[in-house]
Amino acid sequence: MRNQLQIALLACTLVSGPTCRAQSSPPLDARVIELTADKDSRFRLGGKISPVIEVRPGQALILRIVAVRAQTVARDGSVHGLALLDKNMDPVPGWRFFLHPGVQELAVAAPSEPGRYHAVCTIVCSDNHEGMGFTLWVTEPKESTKQ
């Protein structure tokens, strides 16, 4: 069994290369955003419910999320979920997560197109589930005025 695993890993490394490797570390300049996915089915930033978070296009982010169990739990043990939706309510690639109890650090990049994006919970966590979300506002950097 052990030899089969070693052969499979070696074959994966030789044939597929990058597809088998773990994701690289997030950039050192990534912005850390600390959120709580709370027991009352609300996302919080500090004490603010359903916050608006302003970021730059393509900005490296680390979402540090403390997930607290609400009323229900999914079969896989997830207590909340997170998906980012664009203006057409389509999911943004790379922005779908299942949150388990405790702290999770999720390395993502902000969408490259400016605009307002809506993050929603994807696990029916309680009767208040539909109100669980926050807004990611992607804005262009402000032009500096030259004098």
C-alpha atoms as a PDB file:
ATOM      1  CA  MET A   1       0.000   0.000   0.000  1.00  0.00           C
ATOM      2  CA  ARG A   2       2.788   2.405   0.944  1.00  0.00           C
ATOM      3  CA  ASN A   3       4.675   1.639  -2.270  1.00  0.00           C
ATOM      4  CA  GLN A   4       1.539   2.280  -4.325  1.00  0.00           C
ATOM      5  CA  LEU A   5       1.126   5.695  -2.669  1.00  0.00           C
ATOM      6  CA  GLN A   6       4.757   6.593  -3.309  1.00  0.00           C
ATOM      7  CA  ILE A   7       4.466   5.541  -6.966  1.00  0.00           C
ATOM      8  CA  ALA A   8       1.246   7.528  -7.373  1.00  0.00           C
ATOM      9  CA  LEU A   9       2.838  10.640  -5.856  1.00  0.00           C
ATOM     10  CA  LEU A  10       5.928  10.282  -8.020  1.00  0.00           C
ATOM     11  CA  ALA A  11       3.836   9.805 -11.164  1.00  0.00           C
ATOM     12  CA  CYS A  12       1.700  12.796 -10.259  1.00  0.00           C
ATOM     13  CA  THR A  13       4.773  14.963  -9.763  1.00  0.00           C
ATOM     14  CA  LEU A  14       6.430  13.867 -12.995  1.00  0.00           C
ATOM     15  CA  VAL A  15       3.374  13.918 -15.243  1.00  0.00           C
ATOM     16  CA  SER A  16       1.166  16.676 -13.922  1.00  0.00           C
ATOM     17  CA  GLY A  17       3.642  18.978 -12.244  1.00  0.00           C
ATOM     18  CA  PRO A  18       1.864  22.035 -10.803  1.00  0.00           C
ATOM     19  CA  THR A  19      -1.588  20.440 -10.615  1.00  0.00           C
ATOM     20  CA  CYS A  20      -0.488  18.137  -7.798  1.00  0.00           C
ATOM     21  CA  ARG A  21       1.347  20.692  -5.712  1.00  0.00           C
ATOM     22  CA  ALA A  22      -0.169  22.554  -2.808  1.00  0.00           C
ATOM     23  CA  GLN A  23      -1.126  26.158  -3.420  1.00  0.00           C
ATOM     24  CA  SER A  24       1.684  28.601  -2.916  1.00  0.00           C
ATOM     25  CA  SER A  25       1.762  30.837   0.103  1.00  0.00           C
ATOM     26  CA  PRO A  26      -0.229  34.057  -0.129  1.00  0.00           C
ATOM     27  CA  PRO A  27       1.784  37.197  -0.893  1.00  0.00           C
ATOM     28  CA  LEU A  28       3.364  38.860   2.126  1.00  0.00           C
ATOM     29  CA  ASP A  29       1.461  42.049   1.364  1.00  0.00           C
ATOM     30  CA  ALA A  30      -1.952  40.338   1.411  1.00  0.00           C
ATOM     31  CA  ARG A  31      -4.596  42.253   3.337  1.00  0.00           C
ATOM     32  CA  VAL A  32      -6.073  40.273   6.222  1.00  0.00           C
ATOM     33  CA  ILE A  33      -9.823  40.665   6.723  1.00  0.00           C
ATOM     34  CA  GLU A  34     -11.127  39.202   9.976  1.00  0.00           C
ATOM     35  CA  LEU A  35     -14.758  38.106   9.821  1.00  0.00           C
ATOM     36  CA  THR A  36     -17.085  36.104  12.015  1.00  0.00           C
ATOM     37  CA  ALA A  37     -19.694  33.765  10.537  1.00  0.00           C
ATOM     38  CA  ASP A  38     -21.827  33.888  13.650  1.00  0.00           C
ATOM     39  CA  LYS A  39     -24.366  31.684  15.412  1.00  0.00           C
ATOM     40  CA  ASP A  40     -27.152  34.157  14.576  1.00  0.00           C
ATOM     41  CA  SER A  41     -26.502  33.596  10.849  1.00  0.00           C
ATOM     42  CA  ARG A  42     -24.766  36.916  10.234  1.00  0.00           C
ATOM     43  CA  PHE A  43     -21.324  37.826   8.909  1.00  0.00           C
ATOM     44  CA  ARG A  44     -19.597  40.389  11.118  1.00  0.00           C
ATOM     45  CA  LEU A  45     -16.518  42.560  10.738  1.00  0.00           C
ATOM     46  CA  GLY A  46     -15.742  43.760  14.241  1.00  0.00           C
ATOM     47  CA  GLY A  47     -19.202  44.459  15.630  1.00  0.00           C
ATOM     48  CA  LYS A  48     -20.702  45.484  12.286  1.00  0.00           C
ATOM     49  CA  ILE A  49     -23.321  43.153  10.778  1.00  0.00           C
ATOM     50  CA  SER A  50     -23.288  42.656   6.986  1.00  0.00           C
ATOM     51  CA  PRO A  51     -20.311  44.974   6.460  1.00  0.00           C
ATOM     52  CA  VAL A  52     -19.192  46.684   3.267  1.00  0.00           C
ATOM     53  CA  ILE A  53     -15.512  45.888   2.701  1.00  0.00           C
ATOM     54  CA  GLU A  54     -13.587  48.085   0.258  1.00  0.00           C
ATOM     55  CA  VAL A  55     -10.747  46.450  -1.697  1.00  0.00           C
ATOM     56  CA  ARG A  56      -8.714  47.141  -4.842  1.00  0.00           C
ATOM     57  CA  PRO A  57      -9.045  45.158  -8.099  1.00  0.00           C
ATOM     58  CA  GLY A  58      -6.968  41.979  -7.901  1.00  0.00           C
ATOM     59  CA  GLN A  59      -5.816  42.766  -4.349  1.00  0.00           C
ATOM     60  CA  ALA A  60      -4.440  39.754  -2.480  1.00  0.00           C
ATOM     61  CA  LEU A  61      -6.647  38.989   0.515  1.00  0.00           C
ATOM     62  CA  ILE A  62      -6.652  36.580   3.396  1.00  0.00           C
ATOM     63  CA  LEU A  63     -10.111  36.046   4.838  1.00  0.00           C
ATOM     64  CA  ARG A  64      -9.642  34.966   8.442  1.00  0.00           C
ATOM     65  CA  ILE A  65     -13.087  33.671   9.342  1.00  0.00           C
ATOM     66  CA  VAL A  66     -14.233  32.399  12.717  1.00  0.00           C
ATOM     67  CA  ALA A  67     -17.209  30.140  12.022  1.00  0.00           C
ATOM     68  CA  VAL A  68     -19.662  29.537  14.858  1.00  0.00           C
ATOM     69  CA  ARG A  69     -22.378  26.930  14.612  1.00  0.00           C
ATOM     70  CA  ALA A  70     -25.909  28.205  14.015  1.00  0.00           C
ATOM     71  CA  GLN A  71     -28.991  25.955  14.189  1.00  0.00           C
ATOM     72  CA  THR A  72     -28.098  23.403  11.506  1.00  0.00           C
ATOM     73  CA  VAL A  73     -25.019  21.658  10.146  1.00  0.00           C
ATOM     74  CA  ALA A  74     -24.451  20.266   6.644  1.00  0.00           C
ATOM     75  CA  ARG A  75     -23.621  16.595   6.117  1.00  0.00           C
ATOM     76  CA  ASP A  76     -19.940  17.392   5.640  1.00  0.00           C
ATOM     77  CA  GLY A  77     -19.835  19.262   8.979  1.00  0.00           C
ATOM     78  CA  SER A  78     -19.976  22.746   7.449  1.00  0.00           C
ATOM     79  CA  VAL A  79     -21.789  25.269   9.626  1.00  0.00           C
ATOM     80  CA  HIS A  80     -21.757  28.109   7.075  1.00  0.00           C
ATOM     81  CA  GLY A  81     -20.674  28.641   3.495  1.00  0.00           C
ATOM     82  CA  LEU A  82     -19.382  31.600   1.533  1.00  0.00           C
ATOM     83  CA  ALA A  83     -19.793  32.394  -2.143  1.00  0.00           C
ATOM     84  CA  LEU A  84     -19.125  35.718  -3.855  1.00  0.00           C
ATOM     85  CA  LEU A  85     -21.635  36.789  -6.510  1.00  0.00           C
ATOM     86  CA  ASP A  86     -21.160  39.401  -9.222  1.00  0.00           C
ATOM     87  CA  LYS A  87     -23.733  41.997 -10.388  1.00  0.00           C
ATOM     88  CA  ASN A  88     -25.519  39.304 -12.426  1.00  0.00           C
ATOM     89  CA  MET A  89     -25.669  37.058  -9.343  1.00  0.00           C
ATOM     90  CA  ASP A  90     -23.176  34.657 -10.956  1.00  0.00           C
ATOM     91  CA  PRO A  91     -20.549  33.057  -8.703  1.00  0.00           C
ATOM     92  CA  VAL A  92     -17.051  34.532  -8.856  1.00  0.00           C
ATOM     93  CA  PRO A  93     -14.505  31.756  -9.598  1.00  0.00           C
ATOM     94  CA  GLY A  94     -12.312  30.861  -6.622  1.00  0.00           C
ATOM     95  CA  TRP A  95     -14.770  32.308  -4.105  1.00  0.00           C
ATOM     96  CA  ARG A  96     -16.742  29.305  -2.834  1.00  0.00           C
ATOM     97  CA  PHE A  97     -15.946  27.920   0.597  1.00  0.00           C
ATOM     98  CA  PHE A  98     -17.487  25.625   3.192  1.00  0.00           C
ATOM     99  CA  LEU A  99     -16.834  26.842   6.723  1.00  0.00           C
ATOM    100  CA  HIS A 100     -16.371  24.429   9.604  1.00  0.00           C
ATOM    101  CA  PRO A 101     -16.427  25.417  13.289  1.00  0.00           C
ATOM    102  CA  GLY A 102     -13.325  27.360  14.269  1.00  0.00           C
ATOM    103  CA  VAL A 103     -10.899  29.594  12.387  1.00  0.00           C
ATOM    104  CA  GLN A 104     -10.224  29.302   8.664  1.00  0.00           C
ATOM    105  CA  GLU A 105      -7.770  31.388   6.646  1.00  0.00           C
ATOM    106  CA  LEU A 106      -8.725  31.644   2.997  1.00  0.00           C
ATOM    107  CA  ALA A 107      -6.299  33.170   0.490  1.00  0.00           C
ATOM    108  CA  VAL A 108      -8.151  34.826  -2.401  1.00  0.00           C
ATOM    109  CA  ALA A 109      -7.757  37.681  -4.853  1.00  0.00           C
ATOM    110  CA  ALA A 110     -10.331  40.428  -5.147  1.00  0.00           C
ATOM    111  CA  PRO A 111     -12.179  40.425  -8.473  1.00  0.00           C
ATOM    112  CA  SER A 112     -10.390  42.376 -11.199  1.00  0.00           C
ATOM    113  CA  GLU A 113     -13.476  44.327 -12.278  1.00  0.00           C
ATOM    114  CA  PRO A 114     -14.582  47.271 -10.088  1.00  0.00           C
ATOM    115  CA  GLY A 115     -18.072  47.090  -8.645  1.00  0.00           C
ATOM    116  CA  ARG A 116     -20.112  45.754  -5.760  1.00  0.00           C
ATOM    117  CA  TYR A 117     -20.053  42.018  -5.145  1.00  0.00           C
ATOM    118  CA  HIS A 118     -22.293  40.211  -2.689  1.00  0.00           C
ATOM    119  CA  ALA A 119     -21.016  37.455  -0.426  1.00  0.00           C
ATOM    120  CA  VAL A 120     -23.696  35.019   0.690  1.00  0.00           C
ATOM    121  CA  CYS A 121     -23.909  32.009   2.964  1.00  0.00           C
ATOM    122  CA  THR A 122     -24.375  28.804   0.945  1.00  0.00           C
ATOM    123  CA  ILE A 123     -25.350  26.503   3.834  1.00  0.00           C
ATOM    124  CA  VAL A 124     -28.902  26.745   5.174  1.00  0.00           C
ATOM    125  CA  CYS A 125     -27.678  27.425   8.699  1.00  0.00           C
ATOM    126  CA  SER A 126     -30.909  28.660  10.339  1.00  0.00           C
ATOM    127  CA  ASP A 127     -34.198  30.411   9.682  1.00  0.00           C
ATOM    128  CA  ASN A 128     -32.198  33.664   9.366  1.00  0.00           C
ATOM    129  CA  HIS A 129     -29.893  32.193   6.688  1.00  0.00           C
ATOM    130  CA  GLU A 130     -31.136  34.391   3.832  1.00  0.00           C
ATOM    131  CA  GLY A 131     -29.923  37.542   5.588  1.00  0.00           C
ATOM    132  CA  MET A 132     -26.368  36.265   5.986  1.00  0.00           C
ATOM    133  CA  GLY A 133     -24.002  38.165   3.739  1.00  0.00           C
ATOM    134  CA  PHE A 134     -21.680  41.095   3.217  1.00  0.00           C
ATOM    135  CA  THR A 135     -20.627  43.378   0.362  1.00  0.00           C
ATOM    136  CA  LEU A 136     -17.189  43.426  -1.227  1.00  0.00           C
ATOM    137  CA  TRP A 137     -16.766  46.795  -2.925  1.00  0.00           C
ATOM    138  CA  VAL A 138     -13.971  46.706  -5.504  1.00  0.00           C
ATOM    139  CA  THR A 139     -12.787  50.256  -6.229  1.00  0.00           C
ATOM    140  CA  GLU A 140     -10.034  51.725  -8.367  1.00  0.00           C
ATOM    141  CA  PRO A 141      -7.193  53.399  -6.459  1.00  0.00           C
ATOM    142  CA  LYS A 142      -7.784  57.124  -6.130  1.00  0.00           C
ATOM    143  CA  GLU A 143      -5.662  59.249  -8.451  1.00  0.00           C
ATOM    144  CA  SER A 144      -3.146  61.397  -6.656  1.00  0.00           C
ATOM    145  CA  THR A 145      -3.243  65.037  -7.673  1.00  0.00           C
ATOM    146  CA  LYS A 146       0.039  66.397  -8.994  1.00  0.00           C
ATOM    147  CA  GLN A 147       0.952  69.970  -8.124  1.00  0.00           C
END
